[in-house]
Amino acid sequence: MVKLERTGRPTGDSFVINIIYTKVIEYRKKYKLTAWNAWNKLAEHEAFKDLMKKFYKGKTNKDYYINRILNNKTARDKFYINNIKRKATGIQTLVRTKPSEYTHRKKRK
């Protein structure tokens, strides 16, 4: 029997993903934000760089990925969608923002 190897980028540390998810929940409740806005607020925090170092520990070109996430909003958004939103375990149902909490623009008369 031939053992197949996985190709592509290895998945990140699930511990870091769950910590980020927990912080998103905390920011949602503390600042009354949607999950997306809480993620953006967390990404601007000074300790976010330490979380990214832990996430990319052991990977090649980790400085490139860390700098890209810290400086590029599009890369940060993709990271949230591909890693945090899809791969968090255990507390995933707590982060979803209810439709009644979305902000809507007022209609013009």
N, C-alpha and C. Protein backbone atom coordinates (compact mmCIF):
# COMPACT_ATOMS: atom_id res chain seq x y z
N MET A 1 0.83 -1.17 0.00
CA MET A 1 0.00 0.00 0.00
C MET A 1 0.88 1.24 0.00
N VAL A 2 0.61 2.16 -0.91
CA VAL A 2 1.40 3.37 -1.05
C VAL A 2 0.81 4.46 -0.17
N LYS A 3 1.68 5.10 0.59
CA LYS A 3 1.24 6.17 1.47
C LYS A 3 1.31 7.49 0.71
N LEU A 4 0.19 8.17 0.60
CA LEU A 4 0.15 9.44 -0.12
C LEU A 4 0.51 10.58 0.81
N GLU A 5 1.31 11.51 0.32
CA GLU A 5 1.67 12.67 1.10
C GLU A 5 0.79 13.84 0.70
N ARG A 6 0.46 14.64 1.68
CA ARG A 6 -0.32 15.84 1.39
C ARG A 6 0.59 16.90 0.82
N THR A 7 0.09 17.63 -0.14
CA THR A 7 0.86 18.72 -0.72
C THR A 7 0.19 20.03 -0.36
N GLY A 8 0.90 21.12 -0.57
CA GLY A 8 0.34 22.43 -0.26
C GLY A 8 0.82 22.92 1.09
N ARG A 9 0.33 24.08 1.45
CA ARG A 9 0.73 24.70 2.70
C ARG A 9 0.15 23.94 3.89
N PRO A 10 0.95 23.64 4.90
CA PRO A 10 0.42 22.93 6.05
C PRO A 10 -0.54 23.81 6.84
N THR A 11 -1.48 23.18 7.54
CA THR A 11 -2.43 23.96 8.32
C THR A 11 -1.73 24.57 9.51
N GLY A 12 -2.29 25.65 10.00
CA GLY A 12 -1.70 26.36 11.12
C GLY A 12 -2.04 25.71 12.44
N ASP A 13 -1.50 26.27 13.49
CA ASP A 13 -1.69 25.77 14.84
C ASP A 13 -3.14 26.03 15.27
N SER A 14 -3.87 24.98 15.60
CA SER A 14 -5.28 25.14 15.97
C SER A 14 -5.42 25.89 17.30
N PHE A 15 -4.42 25.82 18.16
CA PHE A 15 -4.45 26.57 19.41
C PHE A 15 -4.51 28.07 19.14
N VAL A 16 -3.69 28.55 18.21
CA VAL A 16 -3.67 29.97 17.87
C VAL A 16 -4.99 30.37 17.22
N ILE A 17 -5.53 29.51 16.36
CA ILE A 17 -6.80 29.81 15.71
C ILE A 17 -7.90 29.97 16.75
N ASN A 18 -7.94 29.08 17.74
CA ASN A 18 -8.96 29.18 18.77
C ASN A 18 -8.75 30.38 19.69
N ILE A 19 -7.51 30.78 19.93
CA ILE A 19 -7.26 31.99 20.72
C ILE A 19 -7.77 33.21 19.96
N ILE A 20 -7.49 33.28 18.67
CA ILE A 20 -7.97 34.41 17.87
C ILE A 20 -9.49 34.43 17.88
N TYR A 21 -10.10 33.27 17.74
CA TYR A 21 -11.56 33.19 17.75
C TYR A 21 -12.14 33.66 19.08
N THR A 22 -11.50 33.27 20.17
CA THR A 22 -11.93 33.71 21.50
C THR A 22 -11.82 35.22 21.64
N LYS A 23 -10.74 35.79 21.13
CA LYS A 23 -10.57 37.24 21.19
C LYS A 23 -11.62 37.97 20.34
N VAL A 24 -12.00 37.38 19.22
CA VAL A 24 -13.05 37.97 18.40
C VAL A 24 -14.36 38.00 19.17
N ILE A 25 -14.66 36.93 19.88
CA ILE A 25 -15.87 36.89 20.72
C ILE A 25 -15.79 37.97 21.80
N GLU A 26 -14.64 38.07 22.43
CA GLU A 26 -14.46 39.05 23.49
C GLU A 26 -14.63 40.48 22.97
N TYR A 27 -14.04 40.78 21.83
CA TYR A 27 -14.17 42.12 21.24
C TYR A 27 -15.61 42.40 20.82
N ARG A 28 -16.30 41.36 20.34
CA ARG A 28 -17.71 41.55 19.95
C ARG A 28 -18.53 42.01 21.13
N LYS A 29 -18.36 41.35 22.26
CA LYS A 29 -19.16 41.68 23.43
C LYS A 29 -18.72 42.99 24.07
N LYS A 30 -17.41 43.22 24.15
CA LYS A 30 -16.88 44.40 24.82
C LYS A 30 -17.19 45.69 24.06
N TYR A 31 -17.00 45.66 22.75
CA TYR A 31 -17.17 46.87 21.93
C TYR A 31 -18.47 46.86 21.13
N LYS A 32 -19.28 45.80 21.26
CA LYS A 32 -20.55 45.67 20.54
C LYS A 32 -20.35 45.81 19.03
N LEU A 33 -19.48 44.96 18.50
CA LEU A 33 -19.14 44.95 17.08
C LEU A 33 -19.62 43.67 16.43
N THR A 34 -19.65 43.66 15.11
CA THR A 34 -19.88 42.41 14.38
C THR A 34 -18.59 41.60 14.44
N ALA A 35 -18.66 40.32 14.09
CA ALA A 35 -17.48 39.46 14.13
C ALA A 35 -16.40 39.98 13.18
N TRP A 36 -16.81 40.47 12.02
CA TRP A 36 -15.85 40.98 11.03
C TRP A 36 -15.14 42.23 11.55
N ASN A 37 -15.89 43.16 12.14
CA ASN A 37 -15.28 44.38 12.68
C ASN A 37 -14.42 44.08 13.90
N ALA A 38 -14.82 43.09 14.69
CA ALA A 38 -14.01 42.68 15.84
C ALA A 38 -12.68 42.10 15.37
N TRP A 39 -12.70 41.33 14.28
CA TRP A 39 -11.46 40.79 13.70
C TRP A 39 -10.55 41.92 13.25
N ASN A 40 -11.09 42.92 12.58
CA ASN A 40 -10.27 44.03 12.11
C ASN A 40 -9.68 44.83 13.27
N LYS A 41 -10.43 44.98 14.34
CA LYS A 41 -9.92 45.68 15.52
C LYS A 41 -8.80 44.86 16.17
N LEU A 42 -8.98 43.55 16.24
CA LEU A 42 -7.95 42.69 16.80
C LEU A 42 -6.68 42.73 15.95
N ALA A 43 -6.83 42.77 14.65
CA ALA A 43 -5.68 42.77 13.74
C ALA A 43 -4.84 44.04 13.88
N GLU A 44 -5.41 45.10 14.41
CA GLU A 44 -4.67 46.35 14.61
C GLU A 44 -4.01 46.42 15.98
N HIS A 45 -4.27 45.43 16.83
CA HIS A 45 -3.68 45.43 18.17
C HIS A 45 -2.19 45.10 18.08
N GLU A 46 -1.40 45.63 19.03
CA GLU A 46 0.05 45.44 18.98
C GLU A 46 0.48 43.99 19.23
N ALA A 47 -0.33 43.21 19.95
CA ALA A 47 0.02 41.82 20.23
C ALA A 47 -0.37 40.87 19.10
N PHE A 48 -1.02 41.38 18.07
CA PHE A 48 -1.42 40.54 16.94
C PHE A 48 -0.20 39.94 16.24
N LYS A 49 0.89 40.69 16.21
CA LYS A 49 2.12 40.20 15.58
C LYS A 49 2.64 38.95 16.29
N ASP A 50 2.52 38.91 17.62
CA ASP A 50 2.96 37.74 18.37
C ASP A 50 2.12 36.51 18.04
N LEU A 51 0.81 36.71 17.87
CA LEU A 51 -0.06 35.59 17.47
C LEU A 51 0.34 35.06 16.10
N MET A 52 0.66 35.95 15.19
CA MET A 52 1.04 35.52 13.84
C MET A 52 2.39 34.80 13.87
N LYS A 53 3.31 35.22 14.74
CA LYS A 53 4.59 34.52 14.86
C LYS A 53 4.36 33.10 15.35
N LYS A 54 3.45 32.94 16.30
CA LYS A 54 3.12 31.62 16.83
C LYS A 54 2.44 30.76 15.75
N PHE A 55 1.57 31.39 14.96
CA PHE A 55 0.85 30.66 13.92
C PHE A 55 1.79 30.15 12.84
N TYR A 56 2.74 30.97 12.43
CA TYR A 56 3.66 30.61 11.34
C TYR A 56 4.96 29.99 11.84
N LYS A 57 5.05 29.62 13.12
CA LYS A 57 6.26 29.02 13.67
C LYS A 57 6.57 27.72 12.93
N GLY A 58 7.81 27.58 12.51
CA GLY A 58 8.23 26.35 11.84
C GLY A 58 7.99 26.34 10.34
N LYS A 59 7.47 27.40 9.79
CA LYS A 59 7.23 27.46 8.35
C LYS A 59 8.33 28.29 7.68
N THR A 60 8.60 27.99 6.43
CA THR A 60 9.57 28.78 5.69
C THR A 60 8.91 30.08 5.26
N ASN A 61 9.69 31.12 5.09
CA ASN A 61 9.22 32.46 4.70
C ASN A 61 8.21 33.03 5.67
N LYS A 62 8.35 32.74 6.96
CA LYS A 62 7.36 33.23 7.93
C LYS A 62 7.38 34.75 8.05
N ASP A 63 8.56 35.37 7.88
CA ASP A 63 8.62 36.83 7.97
C ASP A 63 7.82 37.48 6.84
N TYR A 64 7.86 36.88 5.68
CA TYR A 64 7.08 37.39 4.55
C TYR A 64 5.59 37.35 4.86
N TYR A 65 5.10 36.22 5.38
CA TYR A 65 3.68 36.08 5.67
C TYR A 65 3.24 37.00 6.80
N ILE A 66 4.08 37.14 7.82
CA ILE A 66 3.74 38.01 8.96
C ILE A 66 3.65 39.45 8.50
N ASN A 67 4.63 39.92 7.75
CA ASN A 67 4.60 41.31 7.26
C ASN A 67 3.44 41.55 6.31
N ARG A 68 3.13 40.55 5.52
CA ARG A 68 2.01 40.69 4.58
C ARG A 68 0.68 40.84 5.31
N ILE A 69 0.47 40.04 6.34
CA ILE A 69 -0.78 40.12 7.09
C ILE A 69 -0.86 41.43 7.88
N LEU A 70 0.26 41.89 8.41
CA LEU A 70 0.24 43.12 9.19
C LEU A 70 0.04 44.36 8.32
N ASN A 71 0.50 44.33 7.08
CA ASN A 71 0.47 45.53 6.25
C ASN A 71 -0.57 45.52 5.14
N ASN A 72 -1.14 44.38 4.81
CA ASN A 72 -2.05 44.28 3.69
C ASN A 72 -3.43 43.83 4.18
N LYS A 73 -4.42 44.72 4.08
CA LYS A 73 -5.76 44.42 4.57
C LYS A 73 -6.41 43.27 3.80
N THR A 74 -6.17 43.18 2.52
CA THR A 74 -6.74 42.09 1.72
C THR A 74 -6.21 40.74 2.19
N ALA A 75 -4.92 40.66 2.46
CA ALA A 75 -4.33 39.41 2.95
C ALA A 75 -4.90 39.06 4.33
N ARG A 76 -5.12 40.09 5.16
CA ARG A 76 -5.70 39.88 6.49
C ARG A 76 -7.11 39.33 6.39
N ASP A 77 -7.89 39.87 5.46
CA ASP A 77 -9.26 39.40 5.27
C ASP A 77 -9.28 37.96 4.78
N LYS A 78 -8.40 37.62 3.84
CA LYS A 78 -8.32 36.25 3.34
C LYS A 78 -7.89 35.28 4.44
N PHE A 79 -6.98 35.72 5.30
CA PHE A 79 -6.53 34.88 6.42
C PHE A 79 -7.71 34.57 7.33
N TYR A 80 -8.54 35.57 7.61
CA TYR A 80 -9.71 35.37 8.47
C TYR A 80 -10.67 34.36 7.85
N ILE A 81 -10.96 34.54 6.58
CA ILE A 81 -11.92 33.67 5.90
C ILE A 81 -11.39 32.24 5.80
N ASN A 82 -10.13 32.08 5.40
CA ASN A 82 -9.58 30.74 5.15
C ASN A 82 -9.16 30.00 6.41
N ASN A 83 -8.74 30.69 7.44
CA ASN A 83 -8.21 30.02 8.62
C ASN A 83 -9.11 30.11 9.83
N ILE A 84 -9.55 31.30 10.16
CA ILE A 84 -10.29 31.50 11.40
C ILE A 84 -11.74 31.07 11.25
N LYS A 85 -12.40 31.56 10.24
CA LYS A 85 -13.82 31.28 10.08
C LYS A 85 -14.09 29.81 9.78
N ARG A 86 -13.22 29.18 9.02
CA ARG A 86 -13.45 27.80 8.60
C ARG A 86 -12.90 26.75 9.55
N LYS A 87 -11.79 27.06 10.24
CA LYS A 87 -11.09 26.00 10.95
C LYS A 87 -11.15 26.09 12.46
N ALA A 88 -11.81 27.07 13.03
CA ALA A 88 -11.92 27.13 14.49
C ALA A 88 -12.84 26.01 14.95
N THR A 89 -12.49 25.40 16.06
CA THR A 89 -13.28 24.29 16.55
C THR A 89 -13.82 24.61 17.94
N GLY A 90 -14.94 24.02 18.26
CA GLY A 90 -15.46 24.14 19.61
C GLY A 90 -16.35 25.34 19.85
N ILE A 91 -15.86 26.53 19.54
CA ILE A 91 -16.62 27.74 19.86
C ILE A 91 -17.13 28.44 18.61
N GLN A 92 -17.16 27.75 17.52
CA GLN A 92 -17.50 28.37 16.24
C GLN A 92 -18.91 28.96 16.22
N THR A 93 -19.84 28.32 16.89
CA THR A 93 -21.22 28.81 16.84
C THR A 93 -21.40 30.10 17.63
N LEU A 94 -20.49 30.41 18.52
CA LEU A 94 -20.64 31.60 19.35
C LEU A 94 -20.27 32.89 18.62
N VAL A 95 -19.49 32.81 17.57
CA VAL A 95 -18.98 34.01 16.92
C VAL A 95 -19.92 34.56 15.86
N ARG A 96 -20.79 33.76 15.36
CA ARG A 96 -21.65 34.22 14.27
C ARG A 96 -22.47 35.43 14.70
N THR A 97 -22.50 36.41 13.87
CA THR A 97 -23.24 37.63 14.14
C THR A 97 -24.68 37.44 13.70
N LYS A 98 -25.61 37.79 14.57
CA LYS A 98 -27.02 37.67 14.23
C LYS A 98 -27.38 38.74 13.20
N PRO A 99 -28.29 38.44 12.29
CA PRO A 99 -28.67 39.44 11.30
C PRO A 99 -29.24 40.71 11.92
N SER A 100 -29.84 40.62 13.10
CA SER A 100 -30.39 41.82 13.73
C SER A 100 -29.30 42.75 14.23
N GLU A 101 -28.07 42.28 14.33
CA GLU A 101 -26.96 43.12 14.80
C GLU A 101 -26.22 43.82 13.66
N TYR A 102 -26.55 43.51 12.42
CA TYR A 102 -25.91 44.18 11.30
C TYR A 102 -26.33 45.65 11.29
N THR A 103 -25.45 46.49 10.83
CA THR A 103 -25.82 47.89 10.71
C THR A 103 -26.29 48.15 9.29
N HIS A 104 -27.39 48.83 9.16
CA HIS A 104 -27.94 49.14 7.86
C HIS A 104 -27.94 50.65 7.64
N ARG A 105 -27.73 51.05 6.41
CA ARG A 105 -27.81 52.47 6.12
C ARG A 105 -29.27 52.91 6.15
N LYS A 106 -29.48 54.13 6.59
CA LYS A 106 -30.84 54.65 6.64
C LYS A 106 -31.31 54.94 5.22
N LYS A 107 -32.57 54.71 4.99
CA LYS A 107 -33.13 54.98 3.66
C LYS A 107 -33.37 56.47 3.52
N ARG A 108 -33.07 56.97 2.36
CA ARG A 108 -33.31 58.38 2.08
C ARG A 108 -34.76 58.58 1.69
N LYS A 109 -35.28 59.70 2.09
CA LYS A 109 -36.69 59.99 1.76
C LYS A 109 -36.82 60.76 0.49
